[in-house]
Amino acid sequence: MTKRVGSLLAMCLLAVSASAQSSGAEMKQDDSMKHDQMKSDQMKDSSKKKAKKAKKDQMKKDDNMKHDNMKDAVKNDDMKKN
């Protein structure tokens, strides 16, 4: 009887440890998937930031060109008046 209980306990212990190992492997896989997802999210964010910066720089450039054109127009008006 004692041998049966001992062997039953041993089997239960083996089953629990095997279950823990498989869930540990799943957790590692989930962690690596999360890491990959975070990495891709960071890449997307950086590309979005670059696009925004490029657009902002282009807007500044356009604004500066308009400002320069207005200066030239004022100079031409002043020259015509003189």
PDB file of N, CA and C in Angstrom:
ATOM      1  N   MET A   1       0.819  -1.178   0.000  1.00  0.00           N
ATOM      2  CA  MET A   1       0.000   0.000   0.000  1.00  0.00           C
ATOM      3  C   MET A   1       0.872   1.254   0.000  1.00  0.00           C
ATOM      4  N   THR A   2       1.915   1.262   0.803  1.00  0.00           N
ATOM      5  CA  THR A   2       2.801   2.406   0.893  1.00  0.00           C
ATOM      6  C   THR A   2       3.532   2.605  -0.432  1.00  0.00           C
ATOM      7  N   LYS A   3       3.888   1.503  -1.083  1.00  0.00           N
ATOM      8  CA  LYS A   3       4.560   1.608  -2.369  1.00  0.00           C
ATOM      9  C   LYS A   3       3.641   2.234  -3.415  1.00  0.00           C
ATOM     10  N   ARG A   4       2.375   1.860  -3.378  1.00  0.00           N
ATOM     11  CA  ARG A   4       1.411   2.424  -4.325  1.00  0.00           C
ATOM     12  C   ARG A   4       1.266   3.930  -4.135  1.00  0.00           C
ATOM     13  N   VAL A   5       1.142   4.330  -2.886  1.00  0.00           N
ATOM     14  CA  VAL A   5       0.991   5.758  -2.598  1.00  0.00           C
ATOM     15  C   VAL A   5       2.256   6.508  -3.024  1.00  0.00           C
ATOM     16  N   GLY A   6       3.394   5.927  -2.743  1.00  0.00           N
ATOM     17  CA  GLY A   6       4.662   6.547  -3.129  1.00  0.00           C
ATOM     18  C   GLY A   6       4.787   6.676  -4.642  1.00  0.00           C
ATOM     19  N   SER A   7       4.432   5.616  -5.367  1.00  0.00           N
ATOM     20  CA  SER A   7       4.527   5.671  -6.830  1.00  0.00           C
ATOM     21  C   SER A   7       3.495   6.659  -7.401  1.00  0.00           C
ATOM     22  N   LEU A   8       2.330   6.731  -6.791  1.00  0.00           N
ATOM     23  CA  LEU A   8       1.302   7.676  -7.222  1.00  0.00           C
ATOM     24  C   LEU A   8       1.779   9.117  -7.001  1.00  0.00           C
ATOM     25  N   LEU A   9       2.377   9.367  -5.856  1.00  0.00           N
ATOM     26  CA  LEU A   9       2.924  10.690  -5.573  1.00  0.00           C
ATOM     27  C   LEU A   9       4.049  11.040  -6.544  1.00  0.00           C
ATOM     28  N   ALA A  10       4.894  10.080  -6.853  1.00  0.00           N
ATOM     29  CA  ALA A  10       5.998  10.309  -7.784  1.00  0.00           C
ATOM     30  C   ALA A  10       5.454  10.657  -9.176  1.00  0.00           C
ATOM     31  N   MET A  11       4.427   9.937  -9.626  1.00  0.00           N
ATOM     32  CA  MET A  11       3.842  10.237 -10.924  1.00  0.00           C
ATOM     33  C   MET A  11       3.203  11.629 -10.937  1.00  0.00           C
ATOM     34  N   CYS A  12       2.531  11.977  -9.868  1.00  0.00           N
ATOM     35  CA  CYS A  12       1.922  13.311  -9.786  1.00  0.00           C
ATOM     36  C   CYS A  12       2.992  14.395  -9.829  1.00  0.00           C
ATOM     37  N   LEU A  13       4.080  14.171  -9.122  1.00  0.00           N
ATOM     38  CA  LEU A  13       5.172  15.133  -9.099  1.00  0.00           C
ATOM     39  C   LEU A  13       5.783  15.281 -10.497  1.00  0.00           C
ATOM     40  N   LEU A  14       5.983  14.168 -11.188  1.00  0.00           N
ATOM     41  CA  LEU A  14       6.504  14.232 -12.554  1.00  0.00           C
ATOM     42  C   LEU A  14       5.545  14.957 -13.495  1.00  0.00           C
ATOM     43  N   ALA A  15       4.259  14.714 -13.343  1.00  0.00           N
ATOM     44  CA  ALA A  15       3.265  15.357 -14.195  1.00  0.00           C
ATOM     45  C   ALA A  15       3.249  16.870 -13.954  1.00  0.00           C
ATOM     46  N   VAL A  16       3.339  17.269 -12.704  1.00  0.00           N
ATOM     47  CA  VAL A  16       3.344  18.691 -12.368  1.00  0.00           C
ATOM     48  C   VAL A  16       4.604  19.364 -12.895  1.00  0.00           C
ATOM     49  N   SER A  17       5.744  18.734 -12.759  1.00  0.00           N
ATOM     50  CA  SER A  17       6.986  19.342 -13.236  1.00  0.00           C
ATOM     51  C   SER A  17       7.001  19.435 -14.766  1.00  0.00           C
ATOM     52  N   ALA A  18       6.472  18.415 -15.448  1.00  0.00           N
ATOM     53  CA  ALA A  18       6.405  18.455 -16.907  1.00  0.00           C
ATOM     54  C   ALA A  18       5.464  19.573 -17.360  1.00  0.00           C
ATOM     55  N   SER A  19       4.383  19.729 -16.645  1.00  0.00           N
ATOM     56  CA  SER A  19       3.432  20.796 -16.966  1.00  0.00           C
ATOM     57  C   SER A  19       4.066  22.166 -16.758  1.00  0.00           C
ATOM     58  N   ALA A  20       4.833  22.310 -15.702  1.00  0.00           N
ATOM     59  CA  ALA A  20       5.495  23.587 -15.404  1.00  0.00           C
ATOM     60  C   ALA A  20       6.538  23.914 -16.473  1.00  0.00           C
ATOM     61  N   GLN A  21       7.246  22.895 -16.945  1.00  0.00           N
ATOM     62  CA  GLN A  21       8.252  23.130 -17.985  1.00  0.00           C
ATOM     63  C   GLN A  21       7.610  23.578 -19.291  1.00  0.00           C
ATOM     64  N   SER A  22       6.501  22.949 -19.644  1.00  0.00           N
ATOM     65  CA  SER A  22       5.849  23.322 -20.902  1.00  0.00           C
ATOM     66  C   SER A  22       5.252  24.720 -20.807  1.00  0.00           C
ATOM     67  N   SER A  23       4.715  25.073 -19.662  1.00  0.00           N
ATOM     68  CA  SER A  23       4.168  26.420 -19.527  1.00  0.00           C
ATOM     69  C   SER A  23       5.305  27.447 -19.475  1.00  0.00           C
ATOM     70  N   GLY A  24       6.456  27.060 -18.958  1.00  0.00           N
ATOM     71  CA  GLY A  24       7.614  27.945 -18.953  1.00  0.00           C
ATOM     72  C   GLY A  24       8.099  28.226 -20.365  1.00  0.00           C
ATOM     73  N   ALA A  25       8.071  27.210 -21.208  1.00  0.00           N
ATOM     74  CA  ALA A  25       8.476  27.387 -22.602  1.00  0.00           C
ATOM     75  C   ALA A  25       7.488  28.298 -23.325  1.00  0.00           C
ATOM     76  N   GLU A  26       6.205  28.144 -23.017  1.00  0.00           N
ATOM     77  CA  GLU A  26       5.194  29.018 -23.618  1.00  0.00           C
ATOM     78  C   GLU A  26       5.395  30.455 -23.165  1.00  0.00           C
ATOM     79  N   MET A  27       5.760  30.630 -21.910  1.00  0.00           N
ATOM     80  CA  MET A  27       5.982  31.984 -21.402  1.00  0.00           C
ATOM     81  C   MET A  27       7.174  32.615 -22.100  1.00  0.00           C
ATOM     82  N   LYS A  28       8.230  31.832 -22.324  1.00  0.00           N
ATOM     83  CA  LYS A  28       9.392  32.349 -23.042  1.00  0.00           C
ATOM     84  C   LYS A  28       9.014  32.739 -24.459  1.00  0.00           C
ATOM     85  N   GLN A  29       8.195  31.919 -25.094  1.00  0.00           N
ATOM     86  CA  GLN A  29       7.756  32.210 -26.453  1.00  0.00           C
ATOM     87  C   GLN A  29       6.899  33.477 -26.454  1.00  0.00           C
ATOM     88  N   ASP A  30       6.017  33.616 -25.478  1.00  0.00           N
ATOM     89  CA  ASP A  30       5.188  34.817 -25.382  1.00  0.00           C
ATOM     90  C   ASP A  30       6.051  36.052 -25.167  1.00  0.00           C
ATOM     91  N   ASP A  31       7.082  35.918 -24.314  1.00  0.00           N
ATOM     92  CA  ASP A  31       7.982  37.045 -24.063  1.00  0.00           C
ATOM     93  C   ASP A  31       8.712  37.447 -25.339  1.00  0.00           C
ATOM     94  N   SER A  32       9.172  36.462 -26.098  1.00  0.00           N
ATOM     95  CA  SER A  32       9.889  36.799 -27.331  1.00  0.00           C
ATOM     96  C   SER A  32       8.940  37.422 -28.344  1.00  0.00           C
ATOM     97  N   MET A  33       7.700  36.968 -28.376  1.00  0.00           N
ATOM     98  CA  MET A  33       6.719  37.562 -29.286  1.00  0.00           C
ATOM     99  C   MET A  33       6.420  39.000 -28.879  1.00  0.00           C
ATOM    100  N   LYS A  34       6.296  39.249 -27.578  1.00  0.00           N
ATOM    101  CA  LYS A  34       6.060  40.602 -27.093  1.00  0.00           C
ATOM    102  C   LYS A  34       7.242  41.496 -27.438  1.00  0.00           C
ATOM    103  N   HIS A  35       8.446  40.955 -27.271  1.00  0.00           N
ATOM    104  CA  HIS A  35       9.656  41.716 -27.580  1.00  0.00           C
ATOM    105  C   HIS A  35       9.696  42.078 -29.058  1.00  0.00           C
ATOM    106  N   ASP A  36       9.370  41.108 -29.916  1.00  0.00           N
ATOM    107  CA  ASP A  36       9.345  41.364 -31.359  1.00  0.00           C
ATOM    108  C   ASP A  36       8.290  42.402 -31.710  1.00  0.00           C
ATOM    109  N   GLN A  37       7.130  42.305 -31.056  1.00  0.00           N
ATOM    110  CA  GLN A  37       6.055  43.253 -31.314  1.00  0.00           C
ATOM    111  C   GLN A  37       6.458  44.652 -30.860  1.00  0.00           C
ATOM    112  N   MET A  38       7.103  44.751 -29.700  1.00  0.00           N
ATOM    113  CA  MET A  38       7.553  46.051 -29.214  1.00  0.00           C
ATOM    114  C   MET A  38       8.586  46.639 -30.163  1.00  0.00           C
ATOM    115  N   LYS A  39       9.468  45.790 -30.664  1.00  0.00           N
ATOM    116  CA  LYS A  39      10.499  46.243 -31.594  1.00  0.00           C
ATOM    117  C   LYS A  39       9.870  46.785 -32.868  1.00  0.00           C
ATOM    118  N   SER A  40       8.871  46.080 -33.396  1.00  0.00           N
ATOM    119  CA  SER A  40       8.214  46.553 -34.617  1.00  0.00           C
ATOM    120  C   SER A  40       7.426  47.827 -34.349  1.00  0.00           C
ATOM    121  N   ASP A  41       6.823  47.931 -33.158  1.00  0.00           N
ATOM    122  CA  ASP A  41       6.108  49.159 -32.800  1.00  0.00           C
ATOM    123  C   ASP A  41       7.066  50.334 -32.721  1.00  0.00           C
ATOM    124  N   GLN A  42       8.250  50.111 -32.169  1.00  0.00           N
ATOM    125  CA  GLN A  42       9.250  51.171 -32.078  1.00  0.00           C
ATOM    126  C   GLN A  42       9.700  51.591 -33.469  1.00  0.00           C
ATOM    127  N   MET A  43       9.843  50.626 -34.358  1.00  0.00           N
ATOM    128  CA  MET A  43      10.254  50.950 -35.730  1.00  0.00           C
ATOM    129  C   MET A  43       9.169  51.766 -36.423  1.00  0.00           C
ATOM    130  N   LYS A  44       7.905  51.397 -36.201  1.00  0.00           N
ATOM    131  CA  LYS A  44       6.797  52.142 -36.791  1.00  0.00           C
ATOM    132  C   LYS A  44       6.769  53.559 -36.241  1.00  0.00           C
ATOM    133  N   ASP A  45       6.951  53.680 -34.920  1.00  0.00           N
ATOM    134  CA  ASP A  45       6.947  55.001 -34.298  1.00  0.00           C
ATOM    135  C   ASP A  45       8.073  55.864 -34.836  1.00  0.00           C
ATOM    136  N   SER A  46       9.256  55.273 -34.986  1.00  0.00           N
ATOM    137  CA  SER A  46      10.388  56.060 -35.480  1.00  0.00           C
ATOM    138  C   SER A  46      10.157  56.486 -36.926  1.00  0.00           C
ATOM    139  N   SER A  47       9.542  55.620 -37.732  1.00  0.00           N
ATOM    140  CA  SER A  47       9.269  56.005 -39.121  1.00  0.00           C
ATOM    141  C   SER A  47       8.205  57.096 -39.168  1.00  0.00           C
ATOM    142  N   LYS A  48       7.232  57.025 -38.263  1.00  0.00           N
ATOM    143  CA  LYS A  48       6.210  58.072 -38.198  1.00  0.00           C
ATOM    144  C   LYS A  48       6.845  59.395 -37.774  1.00  0.00           C
ATOM    145  N   LYS A  49       7.750  59.326 -36.805  1.00  0.00           N
ATOM    146  CA  LYS A  49       8.422  60.536 -36.345  1.00  0.00           C
ATOM    147  C   LYS A  49       9.258  61.145 -37.465  1.00  0.00           C
ATOM    148  N   LYS A  50       9.944  60.293 -38.218  1.00  0.00           N
ATOM    149  CA  LYS A  50      10.751  60.790 -39.334  1.00  0.00           C
ATOM    150  C   LYS A  50       9.871  61.448 -40.380  1.00  0.00           C
ATOM    151  N   ALA A  51       8.722  60.843 -40.660  1.00  0.00           N
ATOM    152  CA  ALA A  51       7.805  61.406 -41.653  1.00  0.00           C
ATOM    153  C   ALA A  51       7.270  62.754 -41.182  1.00  0.00           C
ATOM    154  N   LYS A  52       6.920  62.836 -39.895  1.00  0.00           N
ATOM    155  CA  LYS A  52       6.431  64.101 -39.349  1.00  0.00           C
ATOM    156  C   LYS A  52       7.511  65.163 -39.417  1.00  0.00           C
ATOM    157  N   LYS A  53       8.734  64.782 -39.087  1.00  0.00           N
ATOM    158  CA  LYS A  53       9.839  65.741 -39.107  1.00  0.00           C
ATOM    159  C   LYS A  53      10.093  66.221 -40.532  1.00  0.00           C
ATOM    160  N   ALA A  54      10.064  65.317 -41.478  1.00  0.00           N
ATOM    161  CA  ALA A  54      10.280  65.696 -42.873  1.00  0.00           C
ATOM    162  C   ALA A  54       9.180  66.645 -43.344  1.00  0.00           C
ATOM    163  N   LYS A  55       7.950  66.354 -42.963  1.00  0.00           N
ATOM    164  CA  LYS A  55       6.830  67.211 -43.342  1.00  0.00           C
ATOM    165  C   LYS A  55       6.974  68.586 -42.696  1.00  0.00           C
ATOM    166  N   LYS A  56       7.366  68.602 -41.443  1.00  0.00           N
ATOM    167  CA  LYS A  56       7.551  69.865 -40.726  1.00  0.00           C
ATOM    168  C   LYS A  56       8.679  70.681 -41.359  1.00  0.00           C
ATOM    169  N   ASP A  57       9.770  70.004 -41.704  1.00  0.00           N
ATOM    170  CA  ASP A  57      10.890  70.687 -42.358  1.00  0.00           C
ATOM    171  C   ASP A  57      10.463  71.253 -43.705  1.00  0.00           C
ATOM    172  N   GLN A  58       9.675  70.495 -44.448  1.00  0.00           N
ATOM    173  CA  GLN A  58       9.196  70.970 -45.747  1.00  0.00           C
ATOM    174  C   GLN A  58       8.291  72.185 -45.575  1.00  0.00           C
ATOM    175  N   MET A  59       7.447  72.147 -44.538  1.00  0.00           N
ATOM    176  CA  MET A  59       6.570  73.287 -44.281  1.00  0.00           C
ATOM    177  C   MET A  59       7.387  74.528 -43.925  1.00  0.00           C
ATOM    178  N   LYS A  60       8.433  74.351 -43.121  1.00  0.00           N
ATOM    179  CA  LYS A  60       9.305  75.468 -42.768  1.00  0.00           C
ATOM    180  C   LYS A  60       9.974  76.028 -44.016  1.00  0.00           C
ATOM    181  N   LYS A  61      10.436  75.128 -44.865  1.00  0.00           N
ATOM    182  CA  LYS A  61      11.098  75.546 -46.099  1.00  0.00           C
ATOM    183  C   LYS A  61      10.132  76.340 -46.976  1.00  0.00           C
ATOM    184  N   ASP A  62       8.913  75.834 -47.118  1.00  0.00           N
ATOM    185  CA  ASP A  62       7.897  76.531 -47.905  1.00  0.00           C
ATOM    186  C   ASP A  62       7.576  77.894 -47.303  1.00  0.00           C
ATOM    187  N   ASP A  63       7.472  77.920 -45.984  1.00  0.00           N
ATOM    188  CA  ASP A  63       7.170  79.165 -45.289  1.00  0.00           C
ATOM    189  C   ASP A  63       8.296  80.180 -45.490  1.00  0.00           C
ATOM    190  N   ASN A  64       9.533  79.721 -45.412  1.00  0.00           N
ATOM    191  CA  ASN A  64      10.673  80.607 -45.628  1.00  0.00           C
ATOM    192  C   ASN A  64      10.699  81.131 -47.059  1.00  0.00           C
ATOM    193  N   MET A  65      10.350  80.270 -48.008  1.00  0.00           N
ATOM    194  CA  MET A  65      10.319  80.709 -49.402  1.00  0.00           C
ATOM    195  C   MET A  65       9.242  81.779 -49.604  1.00  0.00           C
ATOM    196  N   LYS A  66       8.081  81.594 -48.999  1.00  0.00           N
ATOM    197  CA  LYS A  66       7.012  82.587 -49.100  1.00  0.00           C
ATOM    198  C   LYS A  66       7.465  83.910 -48.486  1.00  0.00           C
ATOM    199  N   HIS A  67       8.117  83.806 -47.347  1.00  0.00           N
ATOM    200  CA  HIS A  67       8.599  85.001 -46.653  1.00  0.00           C
ATOM    201  C   HIS A  67       9.630  85.737 -47.514  1.00  0.00           C
ATOM    202  N   ASP A  68      10.529  84.991 -48.126  1.00  0.00           N
ATOM    203  CA  ASP A  68      11.537  85.591 -49.011  1.00  0.00           C
ATOM    204  C   ASP A  68      10.869  86.246 -50.219  1.00  0.00           C
ATOM    205  N   ASN A  69       9.856  85.593 -50.772  1.00  0.00           N
ATOM    206  CA  ASN A  69       9.140  86.161 -51.917  1.00  0.00           C
ATOM    207  C   ASN A  69       8.447  87.465 -51.532  1.00  0.00           C
ATOM    208  N   MET A  70       7.889  87.502 -50.333  1.00  0.00           N
ATOM    209  CA  MET A  70       7.239  88.731 -49.878  1.00  0.00           C
ATOM    210  C   MET A  70       8.264  89.843 -49.714  1.00  0.00           C
ATOM    211  N   LYS A  71       9.438  89.524 -49.188  1.00  0.00           N
ATOM    212  CA  LYS A  71      10.500  90.521 -49.052  1.00  0.00           C
ATOM    213  C   LYS A  71      10.887  91.071 -50.424  1.00  0.00           C
ATOM    214  N   ASP A  72      11.034  90.174 -51.396  1.00  0.00           N
ATOM    215  CA  ASP A  72      11.393  90.589 -52.749  1.00  0.00           C
ATOM    216  C   ASP A  72      10.310  91.488 -53.341  1.00  0.00           C
ATOM    217  N   ALA A  73       9.057  91.150 -53.098  1.00  0.00           N
ATOM    218  CA  ALA A  73       7.946  91.946 -53.620  1.00  0.00           C
ATOM    219  C   ALA A  73       7.964  93.340 -53.003  1.00  0.00           C
ATOM    220  N   VAL A  74       8.252  93.426 -51.707  1.00  0.00           N
ATOM    221  CA  VAL A  74       8.311  94.722 -51.025  1.00  0.00           C
ATOM    222  C   VAL A  74       9.470  95.537 -51.578  1.00  0.00           C
ATOM    223  N   LYS A  75      10.598  94.902 -51.814  1.00  0.00           N
ATOM    224  CA  LYS A  75      11.755  95.595 -52.389  1.00  0.00           C
ATOM    225  C   LYS A  75      11.421  96.135 -53.775  1.00  0.00           C
ATOM    226  N   ASN A  76      10.746  95.314 -54.578  1.00  0.00           N
ATOM    227  CA  ASN A  76      10.371  95.746 -55.926  1.00  0.00           C
ATOM    228  C   ASN A  76       9.403  96.917 -55.879  1.00  0.00           C
ATOM    229  N   ASP A  77       8.465  96.889 -54.931  1.00  0.00           N
ATOM    230  CA  ASP A  77       7.526  98.000 -54.767  1.00  0.00           C
ATOM    231  C   ASP A  77       8.259  99.266 -54.370  1.00  0.00           C
ATOM    232  N   ASP A  78       9.215  99.156 -53.463  1.00  0.00           N
ATOM    233  CA  ASP A  78      10.000 100.299 -53.014  1.00  0.00           C
ATOM    234  C   ASP A  78      10.815 100.864 -54.168  1.00  0.00           C
ATOM    235  N   MET A  79      11.359  99.974 -54.991  1.00  0.00           N
ATOM    236  CA  MET A  79      12.175 100.427 -56.112  1.00  0.00           C
ATOM    237  C   MET A  79      11.317 101.131 -57.161  1.00  0.00           C
ATOM    238  N   LYS A  80      10.077 100.643 -57.354  1.00  0.00           N
ATOM    239  CA  LYS A  80       9.179 101.246 -58.319  1.00  0.00           C
ATOM    240  C   LYS A  80       8.736 102.635 -57.857  1.00  0.00           C
ATOM    241  N   LYS A  81       8.566 102.785 -56.550  1.00  0.00           N
ATOM    242  CA  LYS A  81       8.125 104.062 -56.000  1.00  0.00           C
ATOM    243  C   LYS A  81       9.230 105.125 -56.148  1.00  0.00           C
ATOM    244  N   ASN A  82      10.470 104.729 -56.039  1.00  0.00           N
ATOM    245  CA  ASN A  82      11.593 105.688 -56.116  1.00  0.00           C
ATOM    246  C   ASN A  82      11.860 106.028 -57.503  1.00  0.00           C
TER     247      ASN A  82
END
